[in-house]
Amino acid sequence: MDIVVDILTWLLLISGAVFSMIGGFGIIRLPEFFSRMHAGGITDTLGAGLIIGGLMLQGGFSLVTAKLFMIIFFLIITSPTACHALAKSALAQGMQPELDSGAPMSNEKE
């Protein structure tokens, strides 16, 4: 049974690390603010969630697992909320997302 838990732990840890690295590359490579923020927010939550899930498997049923569960709960709540607040703030300051054509989005109604 220990080997199954170890294999699942390693799968979660490695996949979490891969998602975190993809998010880092997305932040560097994507062309504009909103795309970068999306890449960072999504992969931050998923990558950290997978890593913490792997640590929870290794922790077993203990106080450590309860603390890790609280961390993942607050991460799932705060990371998307922070990205949403950052996007609303950027829009309020006049920053507009770019469309596929490269032109900024217009607020005018036709």
PDB file of N, CA and C in Angstrom:
ATOM      1  N   MET A   1       0.813  -1.195   0.000  1.00  0.00           N
ATOM      2  CA  MET A   1       0.000   0.000   0.000  1.00  0.00           C
ATOM      3  C   MET A   1       0.855   1.256   0.000  1.00  0.00           C
ATOM      4  N   ASP A   2       2.015   1.190   0.667  1.00  0.00           N
ATOM      5  CA  ASP A   2       2.891   2.356   0.714  1.00  0.00           C
ATOM      6  C   ASP A   2       3.414   2.727  -0.667  1.00  0.00           C
ATOM      7  N   ILE A   3       3.658   1.742  -1.508  1.00  0.00           N
ATOM      8  CA  ILE A   3       4.175   2.025  -2.845  1.00  0.00           C
ATOM      9  C   ILE A   3       3.137   2.750  -3.691  1.00  0.00           C
ATOM     10  N   VAL A   4       1.870   2.438  -3.510  1.00  0.00           N
ATOM     11  CA  VAL A   4       0.801   3.117  -4.252  1.00  0.00           C
ATOM     12  C   VAL A   4       0.717   4.577  -3.830  1.00  0.00           C
ATOM     13  N   VAL A   5       0.793   4.836  -2.537  1.00  0.00           N
ATOM     14  CA  VAL A   5       0.753   6.213  -2.031  1.00  0.00           C
ATOM     15  C   VAL A   5       1.974   6.976  -2.531  1.00  0.00           C
ATOM     16  N   ASP A   6       3.138   6.333  -2.528  1.00  0.00           N
ATOM     17  CA  ASP A   6       4.345   6.999  -3.023  1.00  0.00           C
ATOM     18  C   ASP A   6       4.243   7.331  -4.504  1.00  0.00           C
ATOM     19  N   ILE A   7       3.702   6.421  -5.300  1.00  0.00           N
ATOM     20  CA  ILE A   7       3.557   6.676  -6.736  1.00  0.00           C
ATOM     21  C   ILE A   7       2.571   7.809  -6.982  1.00  0.00           C
ATOM     22  N   LEU A   8       1.441   7.792  -6.287  1.00  0.00           N
ATOM     23  CA  LEU A   8       0.464   8.877  -6.436  1.00  0.00           C
ATOM     24  C   LEU A   8       1.045  10.214  -5.980  1.00  0.00           C
ATOM     25  N   THR A   9       1.813  10.185  -4.906  1.00  0.00           N
ATOM     26  CA  THR A   9       2.457  11.406  -4.418  1.00  0.00           C
ATOM     27  C   THR A   9       3.396  11.975  -5.464  1.00  0.00           C
ATOM     28  N   TRP A  10       4.226  11.120  -6.038  1.00  0.00           N
ATOM     29  CA  TRP A  10       5.164  11.598  -7.046  1.00  0.00           C
ATOM     30  C   TRP A  10       4.451  12.109  -8.289  1.00  0.00           C
ATOM     31  N   LEU A  11       3.375  11.438  -8.688  1.00  0.00           N
ATOM     32  CA  LEU A  11       2.612  11.927  -9.840  1.00  0.00           C
ATOM     33  C   LEU A  11       2.031  13.311  -9.577  1.00  0.00           C
ATOM     34  N   LEU A  12       1.486  13.513  -8.383  1.00  0.00           N
ATOM     35  CA  LEU A  12       0.932  14.827  -8.046  1.00  0.00           C
ATOM     36  C   LEU A  12       2.023  15.890  -7.952  1.00  0.00           C
ATOM     37  N   LEU A  13       3.128  15.563  -7.322  1.00  0.00           N
ATOM     38  CA  LEU A  13       4.217  16.538  -7.178  1.00  0.00           C
ATOM     39  C   LEU A  13       4.811  16.922  -8.532  1.00  0.00           C
ATOM     40  N   ILE A  14       5.038  15.929  -9.378  1.00  0.00           N
ATOM     41  CA  ILE A  14       5.630  16.218 -10.688  1.00  0.00           C
ATOM     42  C   ILE A  14       4.660  16.984 -11.565  1.00  0.00           C
ATOM     43  N   SER A  15       3.382  16.590 -11.569  1.00  0.00           N
ATOM     44  CA  SER A  15       2.414  17.321 -12.400  1.00  0.00           C
ATOM     45  C   SER A  15       2.209  18.739 -11.872  1.00  0.00           C
ATOM     46  N   GLY A  16       2.234  18.931 -10.564  1.00  0.00           N
ATOM     47  CA  GLY A  16       2.142  20.279 -10.007  1.00  0.00           C
ATOM     48  C   GLY A  16       3.335  21.139 -10.395  1.00  0.00           C
ATOM     49  N   ALA A  17       4.517  20.545 -10.374  1.00  0.00           N
ATOM     50  CA  ALA A  17       5.713  21.282 -10.788  1.00  0.00           C
ATOM     51  C   ALA A  17       5.661  21.635 -12.266  1.00  0.00           C
ATOM     52  N   VAL A  18       5.165  20.710 -13.095  1.00  0.00           N
ATOM     53  CA  VAL A  18       5.053  20.976 -14.534  1.00  0.00           C
ATOM     54  C   VAL A  18       4.068  22.114 -14.791  1.00  0.00           C
ATOM     55  N   PHE A  19       2.908  22.087 -14.131  1.00  0.00           N
ATOM     56  CA  PHE A  19       1.942  23.171 -14.313  1.00  0.00           C
ATOM     57  C   PHE A  19       2.496  24.500 -13.828  1.00  0.00           C
ATOM     58  N   SER A  20       3.243  24.502 -12.744  1.00  0.00           N
ATOM     59  CA  SER A  20       3.843  25.740 -12.253  1.00  0.00           C
ATOM     60  C   SER A  20       4.878  26.280 -13.233  1.00  0.00           C
ATOM     61  N   MET A  21       5.668  25.382 -13.831  1.00  0.00           N
ATOM     62  CA  MET A  21       6.650  25.826 -14.825  1.00  0.00           C
ATOM     63  C   MET A  21       5.964  26.347 -16.082  1.00  0.00           C
ATOM     64  N   ILE A  22       4.885  25.708 -16.512  1.00  0.00           N
ATOM     65  CA  ILE A  22       4.138  26.193 -17.676  1.00  0.00           C
ATOM     66  C   ILE A  22       3.591  27.586 -17.395  1.00  0.00           C
ATOM     67  N   GLY A  23       3.098  27.806 -16.184  1.00  0.00           N
ATOM     68  CA  GLY A  23       2.615  29.133 -15.816  1.00  0.00           C
ATOM     69  C   GLY A  23       3.720  30.173 -15.837  1.00  0.00           C
ATOM     70  N   GLY A  24       4.896  29.794 -15.363  1.00  0.00           N
ATOM     71  CA  GLY A  24       6.036  30.711 -15.417  1.00  0.00           C
ATOM     72  C   GLY A  24       6.429  31.057 -16.838  1.00  0.00           C
ATOM     73  N   PHE A  25       6.431  30.055 -17.718  1.00  0.00           N
ATOM     74  CA  PHE A  25       6.726  30.328 -19.125  1.00  0.00           C
ATOM     75  C   PHE A  25       5.640  31.197 -19.742  1.00  0.00           C
ATOM     76  N   GLY A  26       4.381  30.974 -19.351  1.00  0.00           N
ATOM     77  CA  GLY A  26       3.287  31.781 -19.867  1.00  0.00           C
ATOM     78  C   GLY A  26       3.411  33.227 -19.451  1.00  0.00           C
ATOM     79  N   ILE A  27       3.840  33.462 -18.233  1.00  0.00           N
ATOM     80  CA  ILE A  27       4.015  34.837 -17.766  1.00  0.00           C
ATOM     81  C   ILE A  27       5.111  35.531 -18.560  1.00  0.00           C
ATOM     82  N   ILE A  28       6.138  34.813 -18.909  1.00  0.00           N
ATOM     83  CA  ILE A  28       7.242  35.399 -19.667  1.00  0.00           C
ATOM     84  C   ILE A  28       6.883  35.573 -21.139  1.00  0.00           C
ATOM     85  N   ARG A  29       6.227  34.579 -21.744  1.00  0.00           N
ATOM     86  CA  ARG A  29       6.061  34.532 -23.189  1.00  0.00           C
ATOM     87  C   ARG A  29       4.792  35.197 -23.733  1.00  0.00           C
ATOM     88  N   LEU A  30       3.735  35.292 -22.940  1.00  0.00           N
ATOM     89  CA  LEU A  30       2.488  35.830 -23.472  1.00  0.00           C
ATOM     90  C   LEU A  30       2.609  37.336 -23.718  1.00  0.00           C
ATOM     91  N   PRO A  31       1.852  37.860 -24.692  1.00  0.00           N
ATOM     92  CA  PRO A  31       2.118  39.204 -25.187  1.00  0.00           C
ATOM     93  C   PRO A  31       1.584  40.359 -24.344  1.00  0.00           C
ATOM     94  N   GLU A  32       0.534  40.180 -23.582  1.00  0.00           N
ATOM     95  CA  GLU A  32      -0.040  41.336 -22.909  1.00  0.00           C
ATOM     96  C   GLU A  32      -0.451  41.006 -21.480  1.00  0.00           C
ATOM     97  N   PHE A  33      -0.802  42.034 -20.736  1.00  0.00           N
ATOM     98  CA  PHE A  33      -1.041  41.946 -19.298  1.00  0.00           C
ATOM     99  C   PHE A  33      -2.114  40.934 -18.924  1.00  0.00           C
ATOM    100  N   PHE A  34      -3.264  40.991 -19.577  1.00  0.00           N
ATOM    101  CA  PHE A  34      -4.371  40.130 -19.196  1.00  0.00           C
ATOM    102  C   PHE A  34      -4.081  38.656 -19.480  1.00  0.00           C
ATOM    103  N   SER A  35      -3.398  38.374 -20.569  1.00  0.00           N
ATOM    104  CA  SER A  35      -3.006  36.996 -20.868  1.00  0.00           C
ATOM    105  C   SER A  35      -2.006  36.481 -19.839  1.00  0.00           C
ATOM    106  N   ARG A  36      -1.066  37.328 -19.479  1.00  0.00           N
ATOM    107  CA  ARG A  36      -0.070  36.934 -18.479  1.00  0.00           C
ATOM    108  C   ARG A  36      -0.715  36.686 -17.120  1.00  0.00           C
ATOM    109  N   MET A  37      -1.654  37.549 -16.767  1.00  0.00           N
ATOM    110  CA  MET A  37      -2.331  37.394 -15.494  1.00  0.00           C
ATOM    111  C   MET A  37      -3.149  36.100 -15.475  1.00  0.00           C
ATOM    112  N   HIS A  38      -3.781  35.775 -16.577  1.00  0.00           N
ATOM    113  CA  HIS A  38      -4.564  34.550 -16.672  1.00  0.00           C
ATOM    114  C   HIS A  38      -3.661  33.321 -16.534  1.00  0.00           C
ATOM    115  N   ALA A  39      -2.534  33.345 -17.223  1.00  0.00           N
ATOM    116  CA  ALA A  39      -1.597  32.216 -17.142  1.00  0.00           C
ATOM    117  C   ALA A  39      -1.079  32.036 -15.726  1.00  0.00           C
ATOM    118  N   GLY A  40      -0.741  33.113 -15.082  1.00  0.00           N
ATOM    119  CA  GLY A  40      -0.237  33.017 -13.720  1.00  0.00           C
ATOM    120  C   GLY A  40      -1.288  32.577 -12.719  1.00  0.00           C
ATOM    121  N   GLY A  41      -2.486  33.093 -12.840  1.00  0.00           N
ATOM    122  CA  GLY A  41      -3.539  32.768 -11.883  1.00  0.00           C
ATOM    123  C   GLY A  41      -4.016  31.340 -11.983  1.00  0.00           C
ATOM    124  N   ILE A  42      -4.230  30.862 -13.190  1.00  0.00           N
ATOM    125  CA  ILE A  42      -4.738  29.504 -13.375  1.00  0.00           C
ATOM    126  C   ILE A  42      -3.691  28.478 -12.962  1.00  0.00           C
ATOM    127  N   THR A  43      -2.490  28.620 -13.462  1.00  0.00           N
ATOM    128  CA  THR A  43      -1.472  27.614 -13.162  1.00  0.00           C
ATOM    129  C   THR A  43      -0.971  27.709 -11.733  1.00  0.00           C
ATOM    130  N   ASP A  44      -1.073  28.886 -11.133  1.00  0.00           N
ATOM    131  CA  ASP A  44      -0.695  29.019  -9.725  1.00  0.00           C
ATOM    132  C   ASP A  44      -1.615  28.173  -8.860  1.00  0.00           C
ATOM    133  N   THR A  45      -2.899  28.297  -9.081  1.00  0.00           N
ATOM    134  CA  THR A  45      -3.859  27.540  -8.284  1.00  0.00           C
ATOM    135  C   THR A  45      -3.746  26.042  -8.547  1.00  0.00           C
ATOM    136  N   LEU A  46      -3.671  25.666  -9.812  1.00  0.00           N
ATOM    137  CA  LEU A  46      -3.611  24.240 -10.152  1.00  0.00           C
ATOM    138  C   LEU A  46      -2.286  23.619  -9.730  1.00  0.00           C
ATOM    139  N   GLY A  47      -1.179  24.273 -10.027  1.00  0.00           N
ATOM    140  CA  GLY A  47       0.134  23.724  -9.682  1.00  0.00           C
ATOM    141  C   GLY A  47       0.319  23.589  -8.181  1.00  0.00           C
ATOM    142  N   ALA A  48      -0.011  24.651  -7.448  1.00  0.00           N
ATOM    143  CA  ALA A  48       0.130  24.581  -5.992  1.00  0.00           C
ATOM    144  C   ALA A  48      -0.852  23.584  -5.391  1.00  0.00           C
ATOM    145  N   GLY A  49      -2.049  23.491  -5.970  1.00  0.00           N
ATOM    146  CA  GLY A  49      -3.026  22.523  -5.469  1.00  0.00           C
ATOM    147  C   GLY A  49      -2.555  21.093  -5.633  1.00  0.00           C
ATOM    148  N   LEU A  50      -1.958  20.796  -6.781  1.00  0.00           N
ATOM    149  CA  LEU A  50      -1.442  19.446  -7.001  1.00  0.00           C
ATOM    150  C   LEU A  50      -0.263  19.134  -6.070  1.00  0.00           C
ATOM    151  N   ILE A  51       0.614  20.105  -5.890  1.00  0.00           N
ATOM    152  CA  ILE A  51       1.755  19.893  -5.000  1.00  0.00           C
ATOM    153  C   ILE A  51       1.280  19.676  -3.568  1.00  0.00           C
ATOM    154  N   ILE A  52       0.345  20.502  -3.123  1.00  0.00           N
ATOM    155  CA  ILE A  52      -0.169  20.337  -1.760  1.00  0.00           C
ATOM    156  C   ILE A  52      -0.937  19.024  -1.637  1.00  0.00           C
ATOM    157  N   GLY A  53      -1.640  18.618  -2.691  1.00  0.00           N
ATOM    158  CA  GLY A  53      -2.316  17.315  -2.666  1.00  0.00           C
ATOM    159  C   GLY A  53      -1.331  16.176  -2.496  1.00  0.00           C
ATOM    160  N   GLY A  54      -0.189  16.247  -3.167  1.00  0.00           N
ATOM    161  CA  GLY A  54       0.844  15.232  -2.994  1.00  0.00           C
ATOM    162  C   GLY A  54       1.414  15.223  -1.581  1.00  0.00           C
ATOM    163  N   LEU A  55       1.587  16.407  -1.013  1.00  0.00           N
ATOM    164  CA  LEU A  55       2.074  16.481   0.365  1.00  0.00           C
ATOM    165  C   LEU A  55       1.043  15.938   1.349  1.00  0.00           C
ATOM    166  N   MET A  56      -0.240  16.150   1.040  1.00  0.00           N
ATOM    167  CA  MET A  56      -1.289  15.615   1.911  1.00  0.00           C
ATOM    168  C   MET A  56      -1.281  14.086   1.912  1.00  0.00           C
ATOM    169  N   LEU A  57      -1.011  13.496   0.752  1.00  0.00           N
ATOM    170  CA  LEU A  57      -0.921  12.032   0.708  1.00  0.00           C
ATOM    171  C   LEU A  57       0.227  11.523   1.574  1.00  0.00           C
ATOM    172  N   GLN A  58       1.330  12.221   1.554  1.00  0.00           N
ATOM    173  CA  GLN A  58       2.467  11.807   2.362  1.00  0.00           C
ATOM    174  C   GLN A  58       2.234  12.047   3.843  1.00  0.00           C
ATOM    175  N   GLY A  59       1.418  13.058   4.160  1.00  0.00           N
ATOM    176  CA  GLY A  59       1.170  13.378   5.564  1.00  0.00           C
ATOM    177  C   GLY A  59       0.256  12.397   6.266  1.00  0.00           C
ATOM    178  N   GLY A  60      -0.560  11.667   5.502  1.00  0.00           N
ATOM    179  CA  GLY A  60      -1.508  10.749   6.130  1.00  0.00           C
ATOM    180  C   GLY A  60      -2.597  11.528   6.852  1.00  0.00           C
ATOM    181  N   PHE A  61      -3.280  10.858   7.776  1.00  0.00           N
ATOM    182  CA  PHE A  61      -4.298  11.523   8.570  1.00  0.00           C
ATOM    183  C   PHE A  61      -3.646  12.102   9.820  1.00  0.00           C
ATOM    184  N   SER A  62      -3.281  13.381   9.749  1.00  0.00           N
ATOM    185  CA  SER A  62      -2.607  14.014  10.877  1.00  0.00           C
ATOM    186  C   SER A  62      -2.927  15.505  10.876  1.00  0.00           C
ATOM    187  N   LEU A  63      -2.363  16.190  11.825  1.00  0.00           N
ATOM    188  CA  LEU A  63      -2.537  17.626  11.924  1.00  0.00           C
ATOM    189  C   LEU A  63      -1.899  18.338  10.732  1.00  0.00           C
ATOM    190  N   VAL A  64      -0.818  17.779  10.220  1.00  0.00           N
ATOM    191  CA  VAL A  64      -0.157  18.355   9.052  1.00  0.00           C
ATOM    192  C   VAL A  64      -1.110  18.375   7.857  1.00  0.00           C
ATOM    193  N   THR A  65      -1.851  17.301   7.660  1.00  0.00           N
ATOM    194  CA  THR A  65      -2.801  17.228   6.554  1.00  0.00           C
ATOM    195  C   THR A  65      -3.921  18.244   6.732  1.00  0.00           C
ATOM    196  N   ALA A  66      -4.372  18.440   7.959  1.00  0.00           N
ATOM    197  CA  ALA A  66      -5.404  19.446   8.213  1.00  0.00           C
ATOM    198  C   ALA A  66      -4.893  20.841   7.888  1.00  0.00           C
ATOM    199  N   LYS A  67      -3.658  21.118   8.243  1.00  0.00           N
ATOM    200  CA  LYS A  67      -3.070  22.425   7.926  1.00  0.00           C
ATOM    201  C   LYS A  67      -2.905  22.602   6.419  1.00  0.00           C
ATOM    202  N   LEU A  68      -2.468  21.559   5.732  1.00  0.00           N
ATOM    203  CA  LEU A  68      -2.342  21.626   4.278  1.00  0.00           C
ATOM    204  C   LEU A  68      -3.700  21.818   3.610  1.00  0.00           C
ATOM    205  N   PHE A  69      -4.732  21.178   4.149  1.00  0.00           N
ATOM    206  CA  PHE A  69      -6.081  21.364   3.620  1.00  0.00           C
ATOM    207  C   PHE A  69      -6.522  22.813   3.778  1.00  0.00           C
ATOM    208  N   MET A  70      -6.217  23.427   4.920  1.00  0.00           N
ATOM    209  CA  MET A  70      -6.564  24.840   5.117  1.00  0.00           C
ATOM    210  C   MET A  70      -5.802  25.726   4.138  1.00  0.00           C
ATOM    211  N   ILE A  71      -4.541  25.411   3.885  1.00  0.00           N
ATOM    212  CA  ILE A  71      -3.752  26.189   2.928  1.00  0.00           C
ATOM    213  C   ILE A  71      -4.357  26.089   1.540  1.00  0.00           C
ATOM    214  N   ILE A  72      -4.703  24.896   1.108  1.00  0.00           N
ATOM    215  CA  ILE A  72      -5.261  24.730  -0.230  1.00  0.00           C
ATOM    216  C   ILE A  72      -6.635  25.396  -0.330  1.00  0.00           C
ATOM    217  N   PHE A  73      -7.427  25.351   0.750  1.00  0.00           N
ATOM    218  CA  PHE A  73      -8.727  26.024   0.747  1.00  0.00           C
ATOM    219  C   PHE A  73      -8.554  27.528   0.551  1.00  0.00           C
ATOM    220  N   PHE A  74      -7.667  28.146   1.324  1.00  0.00           N
ATOM    221  CA  PHE A  74      -7.453  29.584   1.195  1.00  0.00           C
ATOM    222  C   PHE A  74      -6.817  29.949  -0.145  1.00  0.00           C
ATOM    223  N   LEU A  75      -5.983  29.083  -0.680  1.00  0.00           N
ATOM    224  CA  LEU A  75      -5.384  29.328  -1.989  1.00  0.00           C
ATOM    225  C   LEU A  75      -6.439  29.312  -3.085  1.00  0.00           C
ATOM    226  N   ILE A  76      -7.364  28.367  -3.010  1.00  0.00           N
ATOM    227  CA  ILE A  76      -8.427  28.279  -4.012  1.00  0.00           C
ATOM    228  C   ILE A  76      -9.343  29.497  -3.936  1.00  0.00           C
ATOM    229  N   ILE A  77      -9.514  30.058  -2.757  1.00  0.00           N
ATOM    230  CA  ILE A  77     -10.361  31.240  -2.597  1.00  0.00           C
ATOM    231  C   ILE A  77      -9.615  32.516  -3.001  1.00  0.00           C
ATOM    232  N   THR A  78      -8.375  32.679  -2.554  1.00  0.00           N
ATOM    233  CA  THR A  78      -7.693  33.961  -2.718  1.00  0.00           C
ATOM    234  C   THR A  78      -7.060  34.167  -4.087  1.00  0.00           C
ATOM    235  N   SER A  79      -6.554  33.138  -4.718  1.00  0.00           N
ATOM    236  CA  SER A  79      -5.865  33.331  -5.995  1.00  0.00           C
ATOM    237  C   SER A  79      -6.801  33.832  -7.102  1.00  0.00           C
ATOM    238  N   PRO A  80      -7.952  33.206  -7.343  1.00  0.00           N
ATOM    239  CA  PRO A  80      -8.853  33.762  -8.357  1.00  0.00           C
ATOM    240  C   PRO A  80      -9.409  35.131  -7.971  1.00  0.00           C
ATOM    241  N   THR A  81      -9.617  35.351  -6.679  1.00  0.00           N
ATOM    242  CA  THR A  81     -10.118  36.644  -6.229  1.00  0.00           C
ATOM    243  C   THR A  81      -9.089  37.737  -6.492  1.00  0.00           C
ATOM    244  N   ALA A  82      -7.831  37.440  -6.234  1.00  0.00           N
ATOM    245  CA  ALA A  82      -6.770  38.417  -6.486  1.00  0.00           C
ATOM    246  C   ALA A  82      -6.634  38.714  -7.979  1.00  0.00           C
ATOM    247  N   CYS A  83      -6.728  37.701  -8.815  1.00  0.00           N
ATOM    248  CA  CYS A  83      -6.656  37.921 -10.266  1.00  0.00           C
ATOM    249  C   CYS A  83      -7.833  38.759 -10.755  1.00  0.00           C
ATOM    250  N   HIS A  84      -9.011  38.487 -10.221  1.00  0.00           N
ATOM    251  CA  HIS A  84     -10.191  39.253 -10.612  1.00  0.00           C
ATOM    252  C   HIS A  84     -10.043  40.717 -10.186  1.00  0.00           C
ATOM    253  N   ALA A  85      -9.591  40.952  -8.958  1.00  0.00           N
ATOM    254  CA  ALA A  85      -9.404  42.320  -8.479  1.00  0.00           C
ATOM    255  C   ALA A  85      -8.340  43.048  -9.288  1.00  0.00           C
ATOM    256  N   LEU A  86      -7.284  42.367  -9.647  1.00  0.00           N
ATOM    257  CA  LEU A  86      -6.229  42.971 -10.451  1.00  0.00           C
ATOM    258  C   LEU A  86      -6.729  43.329 -11.846  1.00  0.00           C
ATOM    259  N   ALA A  87      -7.541  42.455 -12.441  1.00  0.00           N
ATOM    260  CA  ALA A  87      -8.093  42.735 -13.769  1.00  0.00           C
ATOM    261  C   ALA A  87      -9.065  43.909 -13.720  1.00  0.00           C
ATOM    262  N   LYS A  88      -9.927  43.953 -12.703  1.00  0.00           N
ATOM    263  CA  LYS A  88     -10.867  45.070 -12.585  1.00  0.00           C
ATOM    264  C   LYS A  88     -10.139  46.383 -12.366  1.00  0.00           C
ATOM    265  N   SER A  89      -9.068  46.339 -11.586  1.00  0.00           N
ATOM    266  CA  SER A  89      -8.275  47.544 -11.351  1.00  0.00           C
ATOM    267  C   SER A  89      -7.603  48.021 -12.635  1.00  0.00           C
ATOM    268  N   ALA A  90      -7.077  47.074 -13.412  1.00  0.00           N
ATOM    269  CA  ALA A  90      -6.439  47.445 -14.681  1.00  0.00           C
ATOM    270  C   ALA A  90      -7.460  48.035 -15.650  1.00  0.00           C
ATOM    271  N   LEU A  91      -8.651  47.453 -15.705  1.00  0.00           N
ATOM    272  CA  LEU A  91      -9.703  48.001 -16.571  1.00  0.00           C
ATOM    273  C   LEU A  91     -10.148  49.375 -16.096  1.00  0.00           C
ATOM    274  N   ALA A  92     -10.235  49.582 -14.787  1.00  0.00           N
ATOM    275  CA  ALA A  92     -10.637  50.880 -14.243  1.00  0.00           C
ATOM    276  C   ALA A  92      -9.600  51.958 -14.540  1.00  0.00           C
ATOM    277  N   GLN A  93      -8.350  51.564 -14.656  1.00  0.00           N
ATOM    278  CA  GLN A  93      -7.286  52.526 -14.967  1.00  0.00           C
ATOM    279  C   GLN A  93      -7.140  52.789 -16.462  1.00  0.00           C
ATOM    280  N   GLY A  94      -7.979  52.114 -17.275  1.00  0.00           N
ATOM    281  CA  GLY A  94      -7.975  52.373 -18.712  1.00  0.00           C
ATOM    282  C   GLY A  94      -7.229  51.355 -19.548  1.00  0.00           C
ATOM    283  N   MET A  95      -6.661  50.357 -18.945  1.00  0.00           N
ATOM    284  CA  MET A  95      -5.956  49.331 -19.713  1.00  0.00           C
ATOM    285  C   MET A  95      -6.991  48.444 -20.394  1.00  0.00           C
ATOM    286  N   GLN A  96      -6.810  48.186 -21.676  1.00  0.00           N
ATOM    287  CA  GLN A  96      -7.761  47.373 -22.434  1.00  0.00           C
ATOM    288  C   GLN A  96      -7.067  46.120 -22.940  1.00  0.00           C
ATOM    289  N   PRO A  97      -7.781  44.982 -22.933  1.00  0.00           N
ATOM    290  CA  PRO A  97      -7.179  43.773 -23.498  1.00  0.00           C
ATOM    291  C   PRO A  97      -7.067  43.876 -25.005  1.00  0.00           C
ATOM    292  N   GLU A  98      -6.044  43.256 -25.560  1.00  0.00           N
ATOM    293  CA  GLU A  98      -5.856  43.261 -27.006  1.00  0.00           C
ATOM    294  C   GLU A  98      -6.682  42.150 -27.635  1.00  0.00           C
ATOM    295  N   LEU A  99      -7.227  42.439 -28.799  1.00  0.00           N
ATOM    296  CA  LEU A  99      -7.958  41.430 -29.554  1.00  0.00           C
ATOM    297  C   LEU A  99      -6.989  40.697 -30.466  1.00  0.00           C
ATOM    298  N   ASP A 100      -7.489  39.690 -31.185  1.00  0.00           N
ATOM    299  CA  ASP A 100      -6.630  38.931 -32.095  1.00  0.00           C
ATOM    300  C   ASP A 100      -6.018  39.803 -33.170  1.00  0.00           C
ATOM    301  N   SER A 101      -6.719  40.849 -33.573  1.00  0.00           N
ATOM    302  CA  SER A 101      -6.206  41.703 -34.636  1.00  0.00           C
ATOM    303  C   SER A 101      -5.120  42.640 -34.148  1.00  0.00           C
ATOM    304  N   GLY A 102      -4.915  42.696 -32.838  1.00  0.00           N
ATOM    305  CA  GLY A 102      -3.898  43.576 -32.296  1.00  0.00           C
ATOM    306  C   GLY A 102      -4.446  44.921 -31.881  1.00  0.00           C
ATOM    307  N   ALA A 103      -5.709  45.210 -32.209  1.00  0.00           N
ATOM    308  CA  ALA A 103      -6.306  46.474 -31.838  1.00  0.00           C
ATOM    309  C   ALA A 103      -6.936  46.355 -30.452  1.00  0.00           C
ATOM    310  N   PRO A 104      -6.840  47.398 -29.625  1.00  0.00           N
ATOM    311  CA  PRO A 104      -7.478  47.319 -28.315  1.00  0.00           C
ATOM    312  C   PRO A 104      -9.000  47.296 -28.426  1.00  0.00           C
ATOM    313  N   MET A 105      -9.648  46.734 -27.430  1.00  0.00           N
ATOM    314  CA  MET A 105     -11.090  46.608 -27.420  1.00  0.00           C
ATOM    315  C   MET A 105     -11.718  47.990 -27.164  1.00  0.00           C
ATOM    316  N   SER A 106     -12.802  48.289 -27.846  1.00  0.00           N
ATOM    317  CA  SER A 106     -13.476  49.567 -27.718  1.00  0.00           C
ATOM    318  C   SER A 106     -14.628  49.446 -26.737  1.00  0.00           C
ATOM    319  N   ASN A 107     -14.837  50.510 -25.931  1.00  0.00           N
ATOM    320  CA  ASN A 107     -15.952  50.542 -25.001  1.00  0.00           C
ATOM    321  C   ASN A 107     -17.202  51.149 -25.624  1.00  0.00           C
ATOM    322  N   GLU A 108     -17.089  51.670 -26.846  1.00  0.00           N
ATOM    323  CA  GLU A 108     -18.214  52.316 -27.483  1.00  0.00           C
ATOM    324  C   GLU A 108     -19.223  51.291 -27.945  1.00  0.00           C
ATOM    325  N   LYS A 109     -20.530  51.649 -27.781  1.00  0.00           N
ATOM    326  CA  LYS A 109     -21.606  50.781 -28.258  1.00  0.00           C
ATOM    327  C   LYS A 109     -22.064  51.289 -29.612  1.00  0.00           C
ATOM    328  N   GLU A 110     -22.262  50.355 -30.520  1.00  0.00           N
ATOM    329  CA  GLU A 110     -22.672  50.752 -31.872  1.00  0.00           C
ATOM    330  C   GLU A 110     -24.157  50.601 -32.047  1.00  0.00           C
TER     331      GLU A 110
END
